């Protein structure tokens, strides 16, 4: 079963949405742990890696905003009556 989720005619399976949700929730936990370690709340946890010499090919890289993506999916479902 596929769901219509955007005006660009892309379809996502329930498994795809579940995978995206899993990654999103896991990343939220990592961000919370990173914020905690920055403020001194935790001595252990994830360590943020920073390139010493950034790759020039990634100069214009823009990360995806998952919250915005989820909002778009939600609105598309409402518009499509799903």
Protein backbone atom coordinates (compact mmCIF):
# COMPACT_ATOMS: atom_id res chain seq x y z
CA UNK A 1 0.00 0.00 0.00
CA UNK A 2 1.35 3.44 -0.89
CA UNK A 3 0.22 6.85 0.25
CA UNK A 4 0.06 9.98 -1.89
CA UNK A 5 2.01 12.57 0.07
CA UNK A 6 2.92 15.51 -2.11
CA UNK A 7 2.01 17.49 -5.17
CA UNK A 8 5.11 16.14 -6.93
CA UNK A 9 3.42 12.75 -7.31
CA UNK A 10 5.81 10.97 -4.96
CA UNK A 11 4.51 7.97 -3.06
CA UNK A 12 5.91 6.67 0.20
CA UNK A 13 5.19 3.29 1.70
CA UNK A 14 4.26 2.88 5.32
CA UNK A 15 7.65 1.22 5.85
CA UNK A 16 9.38 4.30 4.43
CA UNK A 17 7.45 6.59 6.76
CA UNK A 18 8.27 4.31 9.69
CA UNK A 19 11.98 4.44 8.81
CA UNK A 20 11.92 8.23 8.54
CA UNK A 21 10.10 8.48 11.87
CA UNK A 22 12.66 6.18 13.51
CA UNK A 23 15.61 8.20 12.21
CA UNK A 24 13.94 11.47 13.19
CA UNK A 25 13.20 10.32 16.74
CA UNK A 26 16.67 8.83 17.18
CA UNK A 27 18.26 12.05 15.94
CA UNK A 28 16.15 14.09 18.37
CA UNK A 29 17.59 11.98 21.20
CA UNK A 30 21.13 12.55 19.95
CA UNK A 31 20.55 16.30 19.75
CA UNK A 32 19.19 16.35 23.31
CA UNK A 33 22.22 14.41 24.53
CA UNK A 34 24.58 16.75 22.66
CA UNK A 35 22.86 19.77 24.20
CA UNK A 36 23.20 18.16 27.63
CA UNK A 37 26.89 17.45 27.16
CA UNK A 38 27.53 21.02 25.99
CA UNK A 39 25.91 22.44 29.10
CA UNK A 40 27.89 20.08 31.33
CA UNK A 41 24.95 17.90 32.36
CA UNK A 42 26.52 14.68 31.14
CA UNK A 43 30.11 13.50 30.99
CA UNK A 44 29.35 10.72 28.51
CA UNK A 45 27.22 10.45 25.41
CA UNK A 46 27.52 11.37 21.77
CA UNK A 47 30.51 13.36 20.57
CA UNK A 48 30.06 15.90 17.81
CA UNK A 49 32.54 15.44 14.99
CA UNK A 50 33.81 18.56 13.25
CA UNK A 51 35.99 18.48 10.15
CA UNK A 52 39.32 20.23 10.60
CA UNK A 53 39.53 20.84 6.86
CA UNK A 54 36.00 20.95 5.44
CA UNK A 55 35.32 19.43 2.04
CA UNK A 56 34.91 22.29 -0.47
CA UNK A 57 32.40 20.17 -2.39
CA UNK A 58 30.02 20.49 0.56
CA UNK A 59 30.24 24.27 0.70
CA UNK A 60 26.61 24.75 -0.39
CA UNK A 61 25.21 21.70 1.43
CA UNK A 62 21.89 22.36 3.14
CA UNK A 63 20.66 19.70 5.59
CA UNK A 64 17.04 18.62 5.42
CA UNK A 65 14.68 20.08 7.99
CA UNK A 66 12.81 16.98 9.18
CA UNK A 67 10.25 18.97 11.13
CA UNK A 68 9.35 20.86 7.97
CA UNK A 69 9.29 17.60 6.00
CA UNK A 70 6.86 16.04 8.49
CA UNK A 71 4.68 19.14 8.37
CA UNK A 72 4.54 18.90 4.58
CA UNK A 73 3.61 15.23 4.78
CA UNK A 74 0.89 15.96 7.30
CA UNK A 75 -0.61 18.75 5.21
CA UNK A 76 -0.42 16.65 2.04
CA UNK A 77 -2.35 13.86 3.75
CA UNK A 78 -5.04 16.32 4.82
CA UNK A 79 -5.27 17.79 1.32
CA UNK A 80 -5.49 14.34 -0.26
CA UNK A 81 -8.05 13.12 2.24
CA UNK A 82 -5.82 10.27 3.43
